[in-house]
Protein backbone atom coordinates (compact mmCIF):
# COMPACT_ATOMS: atom_id res chain seq x y z
CA UNK A 1 0.00 0.00 0.00
CA UNK A 2 1.49 3.36 -0.99
CA UNK A 3 2.16 5.96 1.67
CA UNK A 4 -0.32 8.78 1.98
CA UNK A 5 1.26 12.00 3.29
CA UNK A 6 -1.91 12.99 5.16
CA UNK A 7 -2.15 9.61 6.90
CA UNK A 8 1.57 9.73 7.70
CA UNK A 9 1.11 13.18 9.29
CA UNK A 10 -1.81 11.95 11.41
CA UNK A 11 0.17 8.92 12.56
CA UNK A 12 3.18 11.08 13.44
CA UNK A 13 0.98 13.45 15.47
CA UNK A 14 -0.65 10.54 17.31
CA UNK A 15 2.76 9.04 18.11
CA UNK A 16 4.01 12.39 19.42
CA UNK A 17 0.94 12.93 21.61
CA UNK A 18 1.22 9.41 22.98
CA UNK A 19 4.90 9.94 23.81
CA UNK A 20 4.13 13.24 25.55
CA UNK A 21 1.66 11.35 27.73
CA UNK A 22 4.14 8.63 28.62
CA UNK A 23 2.52 6.10 26.27
CA UNK A 24 -0.11 5.64 28.99
CA UNK A 25 -3.48 4.65 27.47
CA UNK A 26 -5.44 5.98 30.46
CA UNK A 27 -3.80 9.42 30.13
CA UNK A 28 -4.26 9.31 26.34
CA UNK A 29 -8.01 8.66 26.60
CA UNK A 30 -8.36 11.36 29.27
CA UNK A 31 -6.47 13.79 26.99
CA UNK A 32 -8.78 13.16 24.03
CA UNK A 33 -11.90 13.37 26.21
CA UNK A 34 -10.70 16.74 27.53
CA UNK A 35 -9.99 18.02 24.01
CA UNK A 36 -13.39 16.88 22.82
CA UNK A 37 -15.17 18.62 25.69
CA UNK A 38 -13.21 21.86 25.15
CA UNK A 39 -13.76 21.96 21.39
CA UNK A 40 -17.46 21.17 21.38
CA UNK A 41 -17.28 19.93 17.80
CA UNK A 42 -15.10 18.34 15.23
CA UNK A 43 -12.09 20.17 13.88
CA UNK A 44 -11.83 19.64 10.17
CA UNK A 45 -9.51 21.46 7.86
CA UNK A 46 -10.91 22.18 4.47
CA UNK A 47 -9.32 23.05 1.18
CA UNK A 48 -8.33 26.49 2.48
CA UNK A 49 -6.14 24.97 5.24
CA UNK A 50 -4.52 28.33 5.80
CA UNK A 51 -6.96 30.52 7.66
CA UNK A 52 -9.25 27.87 9.14
CA UNK A 53 -12.43 29.26 7.62
CA UNK A 54 -13.54 25.81 6.43
CA UNK A 55 -12.91 24.39 9.90
CA UNK A 56 -14.95 27.16 11.47
CA UNK A 57 -17.80 26.51 9.02
CA UNK A 58 -17.74 22.77 9.85
CA UNK A 59 -17.80 23.39 13.59
CA UNK A 60 -20.59 25.95 13.23
CA UNK A 61 -22.59 23.55 11.03
CA UNK A 62 -22.09 20.74 13.55
CA UNK A 63 -23.30 22.99 16.37
CA UNK A 64 -26.28 24.10 14.30
CA UNK A 65 -27.23 20.52 13.41
CA UNK A 66 -26.84 19.44 17.04
CA UNK A 67 -29.03 22.20 18.37
CA UNK A 68 -31.67 21.42 15.74
CA UNK A 69 -31.54 17.74 16.63
CA UNK A 70 -30.35 16.80 13.16
CA UNK A 71 -27.19 15.69 11.50
CA UNK A 72 -25.14 17.16 8.67
CA UNK A 73 -24.44 13.75 7.22
PDB file of N, CA and C in Angstrom:
ATOM      1  N   UNK A   1       0.850  -1.179   0.000  1.00  0.00           N
ATOM      2  CA  UNK A   1       0.000   0.000   0.000  1.00  0.00           C
ATOM      3  C   UNK A   1       0.897   1.244   0.000  1.00  0.00           C
ATOM      4  N   UNK A   2       0.659   2.154  -0.921  1.00  0.00           N
ATOM      5  CA  UNK A   2       1.495   3.364  -0.994  1.00  0.00           C
ATOM      6  C   UNK A   2       1.257   4.269   0.209  1.00  0.00           C
ATOM      7  N   UNK A   3       2.279   5.012   0.561  1.00  0.00           N
ATOM      8  CA  UNK A   3       2.161   5.960   1.671  1.00  0.00           C
ATOM      9  C   UNK A   3       1.305   7.148   1.267  1.00  0.00           C
ATOM     10  N   UNK A   4       0.509   7.595   2.176  1.00  0.00           N
ATOM     11  CA  UNK A   4      -0.319   8.779   1.981  1.00  0.00           C
ATOM     12  C   UNK A   4       0.212   9.840   2.938  1.00  0.00           C
ATOM     13  N   UNK A   5       0.676  10.973   2.423  1.00  0.00           N
ATOM     14  CA  UNK A   5       1.260  12.004   3.295  1.00  0.00           C
ATOM     15  C   UNK A   5       0.319  12.469   4.409  1.00  0.00           C
ATOM     16  N   UNK A   6      -0.970  12.554   4.130  1.00  0.00           N
ATOM     17  CA  UNK A   6      -1.915  12.994   5.163  1.00  0.00           C
ATOM     18  C   UNK A   6      -2.011  11.954   6.281  1.00  0.00           C
ATOM     19  N   UNK A   7      -2.078  10.681   5.905  1.00  0.00           N
ATOM     20  CA  UNK A   7      -2.146   9.611   6.898  1.00  0.00           C
ATOM     21  C   UNK A   7      -0.853   9.560   7.701  1.00  0.00           C
ATOM     22  N   UNK A   8       0.273   9.719   7.016  1.00  0.00           N
ATOM     23  CA  UNK A   8       1.566   9.728   7.704  1.00  0.00           C
ATOM     24  C   UNK A   8       1.631  10.861   8.730  1.00  0.00           C
ATOM     25  N   UNK A   9       1.098  12.030   8.376  1.00  0.00           N
ATOM     26  CA  UNK A   9       1.106  13.175   9.293  1.00  0.00           C
ATOM     27  C   UNK A   9       0.230  12.901  10.512  1.00  0.00           C
ATOM     28  N   UNK A  10      -0.931  12.287  10.296  1.00  0.00           N
ATOM     29  CA  UNK A  10      -1.814  11.949  11.414  1.00  0.00           C
ATOM     30  C   UNK A  10      -1.127  10.946  12.334  1.00  0.00           C
ATOM     31  N   UNK A  11      -0.518   9.933  11.754  1.00  0.00           N
ATOM     32  CA  UNK A  11       0.169   8.921  12.561  1.00  0.00           C
ATOM     33  C   UNK A  11       1.303   9.540  13.369  1.00  0.00           C
ATOM     34  N   UNK A  12       2.070  10.436  12.730  1.00  0.00           N
ATOM     35  CA  UNK A  12       3.181  11.083  13.437  1.00  0.00           C
ATOM     36  C   UNK A  12       2.664  11.925  14.610  1.00  0.00           C
ATOM     37  N   UNK A  13       1.558  12.632  14.395  1.00  0.00           N
ATOM     38  CA  UNK A  13       0.976  13.447  15.471  1.00  0.00           C
ATOM     39  C   UNK A  13       0.493  12.567  16.613  1.00  0.00           C
ATOM     40  N   UNK A  14      -0.149  11.444  16.275  1.00  0.00           N
ATOM     41  CA  UNK A  14      -0.646  10.541  17.311  1.00  0.00           C
ATOM     42  C   UNK A  14       0.506   9.933  18.116  1.00  0.00           C
ATOM     43  N   UNK A  15       1.583   9.598  17.428  1.00  0.00           N
ATOM     44  CA  UNK A  15       2.758   9.043  18.110  1.00  0.00           C
ATOM     45  C   UNK A  15       3.344  10.080  19.062  1.00  0.00           C
ATOM     46  N   UNK A  16       3.452  11.322  18.595  1.00  0.00           N
ATOM     47  CA  UNK A  16       4.013  12.395  19.423  1.00  0.00           C
ATOM     48  C   UNK A  16       3.152  12.641  20.661  1.00  0.00           C
ATOM     49  N   UNK A  17       1.840  12.708  20.472  1.00  0.00           N
ATOM     50  CA  UNK A  17       0.941  12.934  21.605  1.00  0.00           C
ATOM     51  C   UNK A  17       1.064  11.793  22.603  1.00  0.00           C
ATOM     52  N   UNK A  18       1.095  10.573  22.099  1.00  0.00           N
ATOM     53  CA  UNK A  18       1.220   9.412  22.976  1.00  0.00           C
ATOM     54  C   UNK A  18       2.521   9.464  23.769  1.00  0.00           C
ATOM     55  N   UNK A  19       3.608   9.823  23.112  1.00  0.00           N
ATOM     56  CA  UNK A  19       4.903   9.941  23.811  1.00  0.00           C
ATOM     57  C   UNK A  19       4.845  11.007  24.894  1.00  0.00           C
ATOM     58  N   UNK A  20       4.226  12.145  24.567  1.00  0.00           N
ATOM     59  CA  UNK A  20       4.131  13.238  25.546  1.00  0.00           C
ATOM     60  C   UNK A  20       3.353  12.815  26.786  1.00  0.00           C
ATOM     61  N   UNK A  21       2.473  11.831  26.614  1.00  0.00           N
ATOM     62  CA  UNK A  21       1.659  11.350  27.734  1.00  0.00           C
ATOM     63  C   UNK A  21       2.202  10.054  28.309  1.00  0.00           C
ATOM     64  N   UNK A  22       3.474   9.794  28.048  1.00  0.00           N
ATOM     65  CA  UNK A  22       4.144   8.632  28.618  1.00  0.00           C
ATOM     66  C   UNK A  22       3.652   7.299  28.080  1.00  0.00           C
ATOM     67  N   UNK A  23       3.069   7.313  26.881  1.00  0.00           N
ATOM     68  CA  UNK A  23       2.522   6.096  26.271  1.00  0.00           C
ATOM     69  C   UNK A  23       1.543   5.384  27.209  1.00  0.00           C
ATOM     70  N   UNK A  24       0.844   6.166  28.017  1.00  0.00           N
ATOM     71  CA  UNK A  24      -0.114   5.644  28.988  1.00  0.00           C
ATOM     72  C   UNK A  24      -1.518   5.738  28.382  1.00  0.00           C
ATOM     73  N   UNK A  25      -2.163   4.602  28.111  1.00  0.00           N
ATOM     74  CA  UNK A  25      -3.481   4.650  27.468  1.00  0.00           C
ATOM     75  C   UNK A  25      -4.543   5.369  28.298  1.00  0.00           C
ATOM     76  N   UNK A  26      -4.457   5.290  29.603  1.00  0.00           N
ATOM     77  CA  UNK A  26      -5.438   5.979  30.458  1.00  0.00           C
ATOM     78  C   UNK A  26      -5.280   7.490  30.296  1.00  0.00           C
ATOM     79  N   UNK A  27      -4.050   7.979  30.317  1.00  0.00           N
ATOM     80  CA  UNK A  27      -3.803   9.415  30.129  1.00  0.00           C
ATOM     81  C   UNK A  27      -4.192   9.851  28.721  1.00  0.00           C
ATOM     82  N   UNK A  28      -3.938   8.991  27.732  1.00  0.00           N
ATOM     83  CA  UNK A  28      -4.260   9.311  26.342  1.00  0.00           C
ATOM     84  C   UNK A  28      -5.768   9.488  26.165  1.00  0.00           C
ATOM     85  N   UNK A  29      -6.545   8.556  26.697  1.00  0.00           N
ATOM     86  CA  UNK A  29      -8.006   8.664  26.597  1.00  0.00           C
ATOM     87  C   UNK A  29      -8.486   9.915  27.327  1.00  0.00           C
ATOM     88  N   UNK A  30      -7.963  10.170  28.510  1.00  0.00           N
ATOM     89  CA  UNK A  30      -8.356  11.362  29.267  1.00  0.00           C
ATOM     90  C   UNK A  30      -8.034  12.632  28.473  1.00  0.00           C
ATOM     91  N   UNK A  31      -6.883  12.637  27.817  1.00  0.00           N
ATOM     92  CA  UNK A  31      -6.467  13.785  26.992  1.00  0.00           C
ATOM     93  C   UNK A  31      -7.470  14.044  25.873  1.00  0.00           C
ATOM     94  N   UNK A  32      -7.848  12.990  25.150  1.00  0.00           N
ATOM     95  CA  UNK A  32      -8.782  13.158  24.033  1.00  0.00           C
ATOM     96  C   UNK A  32     -10.184  13.529  24.516  1.00  0.00           C
ATOM     97  N   UNK A  33     -10.598  12.999  25.649  1.00  0.00           N
ATOM     98  CA  UNK A  33     -11.904  13.372  26.212  1.00  0.00           C
ATOM     99  C   UNK A  33     -11.900  14.855  26.576  1.00  0.00           C
ATOM    100  N   UNK A  34     -10.807  15.318  27.172  1.00  0.00           N
ATOM    101  CA  UNK A  34     -10.701  16.737  27.527  1.00  0.00           C
ATOM    102  C   UNK A  34     -10.729  17.616  26.279  1.00  0.00           C
ATOM    103  N   UNK A  35      -9.981  17.240  25.256  1.00  0.00           N
ATOM    104  CA  UNK A  35      -9.992  18.018  24.009  1.00  0.00           C
ATOM    105  C   UNK A  35     -11.385  18.072  23.410  1.00  0.00           C
ATOM    106  N   UNK A  36     -12.051  16.942  23.391  1.00  0.00           N
ATOM    107  CA  UNK A  36     -13.392  16.879  22.821  1.00  0.00           C
ATOM    108  C   UNK A  36     -14.348  17.787  23.583  1.00  0.00           C
ATOM    109  N   UNK A  37     -14.258  17.790  24.904  1.00  0.00           N
ATOM    110  CA  UNK A  37     -15.168  18.622  25.687  1.00  0.00           C
ATOM    111  C   UNK A  37     -14.860  20.105  25.510  1.00  0.00           C
ATOM    112  N   UNK A  38     -13.596  20.454  25.338  1.00  0.00           N
ATOM    113  CA  UNK A  38     -13.214  21.860  25.145  1.00  0.00           C
ATOM    114  C   UNK A  38     -13.625  22.371  23.777  1.00  0.00           C
ATOM    115  N   UNK A  39     -13.496  21.539  22.763  1.00  0.00           N
ATOM    116  CA  UNK A  39     -13.757  21.965  21.389  1.00  0.00           C
ATOM    117  C   UNK A  39     -15.241  22.054  21.072  1.00  0.00           C
ATOM    118  N   UNK A  40     -16.023  21.138  21.606  1.00  0.00           N
ATOM    119  CA  UNK A  40     -17.458  21.168  21.379  1.00  0.00           C
ATOM    120  C   UNK A  40     -17.877  20.730  19.992  1.00  0.00           C
ATOM    121  N   UNK A  41     -16.959  20.378  19.156  1.00  0.00           N
ATOM    122  CA  UNK A  41     -17.283  19.931  17.804  1.00  0.00           C
ATOM    123  C   UNK A  41     -16.045  19.402  17.124  1.00  0.00           C
ATOM    124  N   UNK A  42     -16.235  18.881  15.957  1.00  0.00           N
ATOM    125  CA  UNK A  42     -15.097  18.342  15.227  1.00  0.00           C
ATOM    126  C   UNK A  42     -14.249  19.478  14.673  1.00  0.00           C
ATOM    127  N   UNK A  43     -12.986  19.205  14.513  1.00  0.00           N
ATOM    128  CA  UNK A  43     -12.090  20.167  13.881  1.00  0.00           C
ATOM    129  C   UNK A  43     -11.674  19.554  12.564  1.00  0.00           C
ATOM    130  N   UNK A  44     -12.106  20.159  11.503  1.00  0.00           N
ATOM    131  CA  UNK A  44     -11.832  19.642  10.169  1.00  0.00           C
ATOM    132  C   UNK A  44     -11.200  20.760   9.362  1.00  0.00           C
ATOM    133  N   UNK A  45     -10.107  20.475   8.748  1.00  0.00           N
ATOM    134  CA  UNK A  45      -9.507  21.464   7.860  1.00  0.00           C
ATOM    135  C   UNK A  45     -10.022  21.220   6.460  1.00  0.00           C
ATOM    136  N   UNK A  46     -10.400  22.280   5.825  1.00  0.00           N
ATOM    137  CA  UNK A  46     -10.915  22.179   4.472  1.00  0.00           C
ATOM    138  C   UNK A  46      -9.856  22.542   3.469  1.00  0.00           C
ATOM    139  N   UNK A  47     -10.266  22.738   2.245  1.00  0.00           N
ATOM    140  CA  UNK A  47      -9.318  23.049   1.175  1.00  0.00           C
ATOM    141  C   UNK A  47      -8.515  24.318   1.428  1.00  0.00           C
ATOM    142  N   UNK A  48      -9.051  25.237   2.239  1.00  0.00           N
ATOM    143  CA  UNK A  48      -8.335  26.493   2.475  1.00  0.00           C
ATOM    144  C   UNK A  48      -7.171  26.315   3.436  1.00  0.00           C
ATOM    145  N   UNK A  49      -7.180  25.331   4.287  1.00  0.00           N
ATOM    146  CA  UNK A  49      -6.136  24.970   5.241  1.00  0.00           C
ATOM    147  C   UNK A  49      -5.374  26.127   5.880  1.00  0.00           C
ATOM    148  N   UNK A  50      -5.334  27.257   5.274  1.00  0.00           N
ATOM    149  CA  UNK A  50      -4.517  28.333   5.802  1.00  0.00           C
ATOM    150  C   UNK A  50      -5.174  29.126   6.907  1.00  0.00           C
ATOM    151  N   UNK A  51      -6.370  29.622   6.671  1.00  0.00           N
ATOM    152  CA  UNK A  51      -6.962  30.518   7.657  1.00  0.00           C
ATOM    153  C   UNK A  51      -8.013  29.858   8.537  1.00  0.00           C
ATOM    154  N   UNK A  52      -8.323  28.600   8.294  1.00  0.00           N
ATOM    155  CA  UNK A  52      -9.246  27.870   9.139  1.00  0.00           C
ATOM    156  C   UNK A  52     -10.712  28.167   8.907  1.00  0.00           C
ATOM    157  N   UNK A  53     -11.037  28.927   7.852  1.00  0.00           N
ATOM    158  CA  UNK A  53     -12.434  29.260   7.619  1.00  0.00           C
ATOM    159  C   UNK A  53     -13.292  28.011   7.400  1.00  0.00           C
ATOM    160  N   UNK A  54     -12.774  27.032   6.666  1.00  0.00           N
ATOM    161  CA  UNK A  54     -13.541  25.808   6.433  1.00  0.00           C
ATOM    162  C   UNK A  54     -13.771  25.073   7.738  1.00  0.00           C
ATOM    163  N   UNK A  55     -12.766  25.050   8.604  1.00  0.00           N
ATOM    164  CA  UNK A  55     -12.909  24.388   9.904  1.00  0.00           C
ATOM    165  C   UNK A  55     -13.975  25.093  10.731  1.00  0.00           C
ATOM    166  N   UNK A  56     -13.957  26.412  10.704  1.00  0.00           N
ATOM    167  CA  UNK A  56     -14.947  27.161  11.471  1.00  0.00           C
ATOM    168  C   UNK A  56     -16.347  26.904  10.934  1.00  0.00           C
ATOM    169  N   UNK A  57     -16.486  26.803   9.604  1.00  0.00           N
ATOM    170  CA  UNK A  57     -17.798  26.507   9.024  1.00  0.00           C
ATOM    171  C   UNK A  57     -18.266  25.123   9.450  1.00  0.00           C
ATOM    172  N   UNK A  58     -17.364  24.133   9.449  1.00  0.00           N
ATOM    173  CA  UNK A  58     -17.743  22.773   9.848  1.00  0.00           C
ATOM    174  C   UNK A  58     -18.187  22.728  11.302  1.00  0.00           C
ATOM    175  N   UNK A  59     -17.443  23.386  12.177  1.00  0.00           N
ATOM    176  CA  UNK A  59     -17.795  23.390  13.593  1.00  0.00           C
ATOM    177  C   UNK A  59     -19.131  24.093  13.788  1.00  0.00           C
ATOM    178  N   UNK A  60     -19.335  25.225  13.110  1.00  0.00           N
ATOM    179  CA  UNK A  60     -20.594  25.945  13.226  1.00  0.00           C
ATOM    180  C   UNK A  60     -21.749  25.099  12.693  1.00  0.00           C
ATOM    181  N   UNK A  61     -21.538  24.403  11.595  1.00  0.00           N
ATOM    182  CA  UNK A  61     -22.586  23.551  11.035  1.00  0.00           C
ATOM    183  C   UNK A  61     -22.895  22.393  11.971  1.00  0.00           C
ATOM    184  N   UNK A  62     -21.865  21.819  12.589  1.00  0.00           N
ATOM    185  CA  UNK A  62     -22.088  20.741  13.554  1.00  0.00           C
ATOM    186  C   UNK A  62     -22.917  21.250  14.725  1.00  0.00           C
ATOM    187  N   UNK A  63     -22.582  22.425  15.227  1.00  0.00           N
ATOM    188  CA  UNK A  63     -23.305  22.992  16.366  1.00  0.00           C
ATOM    189  C   UNK A  63     -24.749  23.282  15.980  1.00  0.00           C
ATOM    190  N   UNK A  64     -24.939  23.800  14.780  1.00  0.00           N
ATOM    191  CA  UNK A  64     -26.279  24.098  14.303  1.00  0.00           C
ATOM    192  C   UNK A  64     -27.106  22.829  14.165  1.00  0.00           C
ATOM    193  N   UNK A  65     -26.516  21.786  13.590  1.00  0.00           N
ATOM    194  CA  UNK A  65     -27.230  20.518  13.415  1.00  0.00           C
ATOM    195  C   UNK A  65     -27.549  19.901  14.771  1.00  0.00           C
ATOM    196  N   UNK A  66     -26.614  20.009  15.711  1.00  0.00           N
ATOM    197  CA  UNK A  66     -26.836  19.440  17.041  1.00  0.00           C
ATOM    198  C   UNK A  66     -27.966  20.146  17.765  1.00  0.00           C
ATOM    199  N   UNK A  67     -27.990  21.450  17.668  1.00  0.00           N
ATOM    200  CA  UNK A  67     -29.029  22.199  18.374  1.00  0.00           C
ATOM    201  C   UNK A  67     -30.388  21.999  17.734  1.00  0.00           C
ATOM    202  N   UNK A  68     -30.411  21.668  16.433  1.00  0.00           N
ATOM    203  CA  UNK A  68     -31.668  21.423  15.745  1.00  0.00           C
ATOM    204  C   UNK A  68     -32.095  19.962  15.844  1.00  0.00           C
ATOM    205  N   UNK A  69     -31.222  19.142  16.471  1.00  0.00           N
ATOM    206  CA  UNK A  69     -31.540  17.740  16.629  1.00  0.00           C
ATOM    207  C   UNK A  69     -31.293  16.920  15.381  1.00  0.00           C
ATOM    208  N   UNK A  70     -30.607  17.499  14.424  1.00  0.00           N
ATOM    209  CA  UNK A  70     -30.348  16.803  13.164  1.00  0.00           C
ATOM    210  C   UNK A  70     -28.898  16.480  12.998  1.00  0.00           C
ATOM    211  N   UNK A  71     -28.567  16.038  11.820  1.00  0.00           N
ATOM    212  CA  UNK A  71     -27.190  15.690  11.503  1.00  0.00           C
ATOM    213  C   UNK A  71     -26.844  16.251  10.133  1.00  0.00           C
ATOM    214  N   UNK A  72     -25.595  16.640   9.959  1.00  0.00           N
ATOM    215  CA  UNK A  72     -25.139  17.158   8.665  1.00  0.00           C
ATOM    216  C   UNK A  72     -24.954  16.040   7.671  1.00  0.00           C
ATOM    217  N   UNK A  73     -24.802  14.854   8.110  1.00  0.00           N
ATOM    218  CA  UNK A  73     -24.445  13.750   7.218  1.00  0.00           C
ATOM    219  C   UNK A  73     -25.638  13.033   6.709  1.00  0.00           C
TER     220      UNK A  73
END
